[in-house]
Amino acid sequence: MGQVDTLQEQPPKKSSSKSIFRRIFQTREMGVFVALVILVVAMNFLSPYFMSSQNLFNVARGMSTIGIMAIGETMIIITAGIDLSVGSVMAAASVLTARLMFLGVVSPWMAVLIGLTGGAALGLTNGLIITKIKVNPFITTLGMLSIARGLTYYLASGLQGTVASNVPMRDEAVNFLGSGYVGPVPFPVILMVALVIIFSLFLRYTVLGRQIYATGSNEQAARLSGVPIDRVKIFAYTLTGA
């Protein structure tokens, strides 16, 4: 009888599948996902070509650049900051890479490395001004936007025209990064997905990733807990530049 009473007193177990679906639908991002689904359905009715594999890959390829930049921007926003200069920094670093390749002063892959380093340097400048000089992130990155845009025009001039689109990228291996395909899938899309997975795991499972969350959640409490706030912010802005 005692065993029967014990079994009767135990509350019924909730279905794990129901709890998973409940958690999914309670997330704040679900509204954005629903809006995306509605938009896709509407576009499918408006154009018979929208759901074709070629068009979907073209859309994904077009958003891959923004998606890659958004990885670093997400970290900055998590720290309660903002970076308005990401587009201009990307342009400056890209044109620097193209110009070095065109001039032939270094190998193509060294030019890519220098371009990434240049972007990281601009991001590092943002981070140092924000953390050490205590200038508001909005003002700092708005100024960097103008600086990087001017640098882009300067680097693009005097080669084959005066705009960035006239600076050629002649190395086929490097061109593959932006225009190559693996089967039917554009390589930039593969690169974007790989980076999203890597940095999602980084934010979730590393000490620095948790410190980024702590900094944005409560900066004062994080500082009192021993989190190096300035170094965390500098890392986020430098990574975004890269």
Protein backbone atom coordinates (compact mmCIF):
# COMPACT_ATOMS: atom_id res chain seq x y z
CA MET A 1 0.00 0.00 0.00
CA GLY A 2 2.86 2.36 0.81
CA GLN A 3 4.33 1.95 -2.66
CA VAL A 4 0.92 2.56 -4.23
CA ASP A 5 0.44 5.74 -2.22
CA THR A 6 3.89 6.96 -3.22
CA LEU A 7 3.17 6.38 -6.87
CA GLN A 8 -0.17 8.15 -6.58
CA GLU A 9 1.42 11.19 -4.91
CA GLN A 10 3.93 11.73 -7.71
CA PRO A 11 2.78 14.44 -10.13
CA PRO A 12 2.40 13.38 -13.75
CA LYS A 13 5.47 14.06 -15.86
CA LYS A 14 5.06 16.75 -18.47
CA SER A 15 5.84 15.89 -22.01
CA SER A 16 9.35 17.03 -22.86
CA SER A 17 8.33 17.78 -26.42
CA LYS A 18 5.59 20.14 -25.25
CA SER A 19 7.99 22.02 -22.98
CA ILE A 20 10.49 22.39 -25.82
CA PHE A 21 7.86 23.83 -28.16
CA ARG A 22 6.60 26.12 -25.40
CA ARG A 23 10.08 27.51 -24.84
CA ILE A 24 10.57 28.04 -28.57
CA PHE A 25 7.32 29.97 -29.01
CA GLN A 26 8.02 32.09 -25.94
CA THR A 27 11.31 33.43 -27.29
CA ARG A 28 11.39 37.07 -28.38
CA GLU A 29 12.83 36.13 -31.77
CA MET A 30 9.74 34.08 -32.66
CA GLY A 31 7.90 37.21 -33.79
CA VAL A 32 10.66 38.00 -36.26
CA PHE A 33 10.64 34.41 -37.54
CA VAL A 34 6.87 34.48 -38.06
CA ALA A 35 7.19 37.76 -39.97
CA LEU A 36 9.89 36.18 -42.15
CA VAL A 37 7.66 33.18 -42.91
CA ILE A 38 4.79 35.49 -43.89
CA LEU A 39 7.10 37.51 -46.13
CA VAL A 40 8.43 34.38 -47.85
CA VAL A 41 4.91 33.09 -48.48
CA ALA A 42 3.82 36.46 -49.87
CA MET A 43 6.83 36.70 -52.18
CA ASN A 44 6.22 33.17 -53.39
CA PHE A 45 2.72 34.18 -54.55
CA LEU A 46 3.96 37.43 -56.10
CA SER A 47 6.78 35.85 -58.11
CA PRO A 48 6.99 32.28 -59.46
CA TYR A 49 10.79 32.52 -59.44
CA PHE A 50 11.21 33.48 -55.78
CA MET A 51 11.39 29.93 -54.36
CA SER A 52 13.77 28.66 -57.03
CA SER A 53 17.03 27.31 -55.67
CA GLN A 54 19.06 29.75 -57.78
CA ASN A 55 17.19 32.77 -56.42
CA LEU A 56 17.39 31.57 -52.81
CA PHE A 57 21.15 31.04 -53.14
CA ASN A 58 21.48 34.52 -54.68
CA VAL A 59 19.57 36.03 -51.75
CA ALA A 60 21.71 34.10 -49.26
CA ARG A 61 24.87 35.17 -51.02
CA GLY A 62 23.75 38.79 -51.00
CA MET A 63 23.13 38.72 -47.25
CA SER A 64 26.27 36.74 -46.39
CA THR A 65 28.46 39.85 -46.10
CA ILE A 66 26.01 41.54 -43.74
CA GLY A 67 25.61 38.27 -41.84
CA ILE A 68 29.35 37.97 -41.26
CA MET A 69 29.58 41.59 -40.09
CA ALA A 70 26.59 41.01 -37.82
CA ILE A 71 28.55 38.42 -35.83
CA GLY A 72 30.87 41.04 -34.39
CA GLU A 73 28.10 43.64 -34.20
CA THR A 74 26.04 41.21 -32.12
CA MET A 75 28.85 40.93 -29.57
CA ILE A 76 29.07 44.71 -29.34
CA ILE A 77 25.32 45.04 -28.84
CA ILE A 78 25.46 42.35 -26.15
CA THR A 79 27.98 44.54 -24.29
CA ALA A 80 25.41 47.39 -24.50
CA GLY A 81 27.44 49.19 -27.17
CA ILE A 82 26.94 50.06 -30.84
CA ASP A 83 29.16 50.25 -33.92
CA LEU A 84 27.95 52.39 -36.82
CA SER A 85 31.20 52.06 -38.76
CA VAL A 86 31.13 48.36 -39.69
CA GLY A 87 30.15 48.93 -43.34
CA SER A 88 32.79 51.59 -43.96
CA VAL A 89 35.46 49.60 -42.10
CA MET A 90 34.66 46.58 -44.28
CA ALA A 91 34.99 48.70 -47.42
CA ALA A 92 38.32 50.19 -46.30
CA ALA A 93 39.81 46.81 -45.40
CA SER A 94 38.57 45.24 -48.65
CA VAL A 95 39.94 47.99 -50.88
CA LEU A 96 43.25 47.89 -48.99
CA THR A 97 43.44 44.17 -49.79
CA ALA A 98 42.58 44.74 -53.46
CA ARG A 99 45.10 47.55 -53.85
CA LEU A 100 47.94 45.52 -52.37
CA MET A 101 47.07 42.65 -54.70
CA PHE A 102 46.93 44.98 -57.70
CA LEU A 103 50.28 46.57 -56.93
CA GLY A 104 51.88 43.16 -56.38
CA VAL A 105 53.98 44.32 -53.43
CA VAL A 106 52.95 41.27 -51.37
CA SER A 107 51.46 37.86 -52.11
CA PRO A 108 47.65 37.73 -52.50
CA TRP A 109 47.09 35.90 -49.23
CA MET A 110 49.42 38.27 -47.40
CA ALA A 111 47.28 41.10 -48.81
CA VAL A 112 44.21 39.41 -47.32
CA LEU A 113 45.95 39.14 -43.95
CA ILE A 114 46.98 42.80 -44.07
CA GLY A 115 43.42 43.77 -44.98
CA LEU A 116 42.02 41.87 -42.00
CA THR A 117 44.68 43.45 -39.78
CA GLY A 118 43.73 46.90 -41.09
CA GLY A 119 40.08 46.29 -40.25
CA ALA A 120 41.03 45.04 -36.81
CA ALA A 121 43.17 48.16 -36.26
CA LEU A 122 40.20 50.43 -37.02
CA GLY A 123 38.04 48.39 -34.65
CA LEU A 124 40.76 48.53 -31.99
CA THR A 125 40.81 52.31 -32.36
CA ASN A 126 37.08 52.40 -31.68
CA GLY A 127 37.50 50.22 -28.61
CA LEU A 128 40.36 52.28 -27.17
CA ILE A 129 38.55 55.59 -27.64
CA ILE A 130 35.39 54.21 -26.04
CA THR A 131 37.07 52.55 -23.05
CA LYS A 132 40.06 54.79 -22.37
CA ILE A 133 38.90 58.25 -23.46
CA LYS A 134 35.30 57.48 -22.47
CA VAL A 135 33.70 58.83 -25.62
CA ASN A 136 30.16 57.60 -26.29
CA PRO A 137 30.13 54.58 -28.66
CA PHE A 138 27.59 56.25 -30.94
CA ILE A 139 29.78 59.33 -31.41
CA THR A 140 33.01 57.33 -31.69
CA THR A 141 31.80 54.93 -34.34
CA LEU A 142 29.98 57.65 -36.27
CA GLY A 143 33.31 59.46 -36.56
CA MET A 144 35.05 56.23 -37.59
CA LEU A 145 32.39 55.75 -40.26
CA SER A 146 33.47 59.00 -41.92
CA ILE A 147 37.17 58.26 -41.48
CA ALA A 148 36.92 54.75 -42.96
CA ARG A 149 34.78 56.00 -45.84
CA GLY A 150 37.35 58.63 -46.71
CA LEU A 151 40.13 56.06 -46.42
CA THR A 152 38.22 53.82 -48.82
CA TYR A 153 38.00 56.53 -51.48
CA TYR A 154 41.69 57.36 -51.02
CA LEU A 155 42.79 53.73 -51.41
CA ALA A 156 40.55 53.23 -54.44
CA SER A 157 41.75 56.27 -56.35
CA GLY A 158 44.56 56.37 -58.90
CA LEU A 159 44.35 52.76 -60.08
CA GLN A 160 41.72 52.21 -62.75
CA GLY A 161 39.29 54.93 -61.88
CA THR A 162 38.30 56.62 -58.67
CA VAL A 163 35.75 54.24 -57.15
CA ALA A 164 36.19 51.00 -55.26
CA SER A 165 34.45 48.90 -57.90
CA ASN A 166 37.25 49.68 -60.36
CA VAL A 167 39.95 48.11 -58.18
CA PRO A 168 40.47 44.59 -59.59
CA MET A 169 40.88 41.39 -57.59
CA ARG A 170 43.00 39.32 -59.97
CA ASP A 171 43.89 36.28 -57.88
CA GLU A 172 41.48 33.42 -58.56
CA ALA A 173 42.05 31.74 -55.19
CA VAL A 174 41.16 34.93 -53.33
CA ASN A 175 38.23 35.61 -55.66
CA PHE A 176 36.85 32.22 -54.60
CA LEU A 177 36.22 33.66 -51.13
CA GLY A 178 33.62 36.03 -52.54
CA SER A 179 32.45 34.47 -55.79
CA GLY A 180 33.24 30.76 -55.59
CA TYR A 181 30.81 27.86 -55.35
CA VAL A 182 30.90 24.50 -53.60
CA GLY A 183 28.46 22.57 -55.74
CA PRO A 184 25.41 24.81 -56.08
CA VAL A 185 26.09 26.64 -52.80
CA PRO A 186 27.99 29.97 -52.87
CA PHE A 187 31.11 29.80 -50.73
CA PRO A 188 30.31 33.07 -48.87
CA VAL A 189 27.15 31.38 -47.57
CA ILE A 190 29.16 28.41 -46.30
CA LEU A 191 31.65 30.79 -44.69
CA MET A 192 28.85 32.74 -43.00
CA VAL A 193 27.20 29.61 -41.58
CA ALA A 194 30.54 28.26 -40.33
CA LEU A 195 31.40 31.55 -38.59
CA VAL A 196 27.95 31.81 -37.02
CA ILE A 197 28.30 28.31 -35.55
CA ILE A 198 31.85 28.96 -34.31
CA PHE A 199 31.03 32.24 -32.57
CA SER A 200 27.73 30.93 -31.18
CA LEU A 201 29.70 28.20 -29.46
CA PHE A 202 32.31 30.77 -28.41
CA LEU A 203 29.71 32.98 -26.72
CA ARG A 204 28.02 30.05 -25.02
CA TYR A 205 30.91 27.93 -23.80
CA THR A 206 33.99 30.12 -23.26
CA VAL A 207 34.89 32.34 -20.32
CA LEU A 208 35.32 35.39 -22.55
CA GLY A 209 31.96 34.72 -24.17
CA ARG A 210 30.22 34.67 -20.79
CA GLN A 211 32.10 37.83 -19.81
CA ILE A 212 30.66 39.56 -22.88
CA TYR A 213 27.15 38.68 -21.66
CA ALA A 214 28.00 39.78 -18.12
CA THR A 215 29.31 43.13 -19.32
CA GLY A 216 26.11 43.97 -21.14
CA SER A 217 23.81 42.59 -18.45
CA ASN A 218 25.21 44.64 -15.57
CA GLU A 219 28.53 46.36 -16.12
CA GLN A 220 29.01 47.43 -12.51
CA ALA A 221 28.26 43.97 -11.13
CA ALA A 222 30.55 42.40 -13.73
CA ARG A 223 33.39 44.74 -12.76
CA LEU A 224 32.94 43.93 -9.07
CA SER A 225 32.99 40.24 -9.99
CA GLY A 226 36.42 40.61 -11.58
CA VAL A 227 35.44 40.86 -15.25
CA PRO A 228 37.95 43.07 -17.17
CA ILE A 229 35.29 45.30 -18.69
CA ASP A 230 37.60 47.43 -20.83
CA ARG A 231 39.42 44.44 -22.32
CA VAL A 232 36.14 42.71 -23.10
CA LYS A 233 34.84 45.78 -24.95
CA ILE A 234 38.12 46.29 -26.81
CA PHE A 235 38.01 42.65 -27.90
CA ALA A 236 34.45 43.01 -29.22
CA TYR A 237 35.21 46.15 -31.25
CA THR A 238 38.49 44.75 -32.58
CA LEU A 239 36.82 41.49 -33.64
CA THR A 240 34.06 43.45 -35.39
CA GLY A 241 36.67 45.40 -37.34
CA ALA A 242 38.34 42.16 -38.40
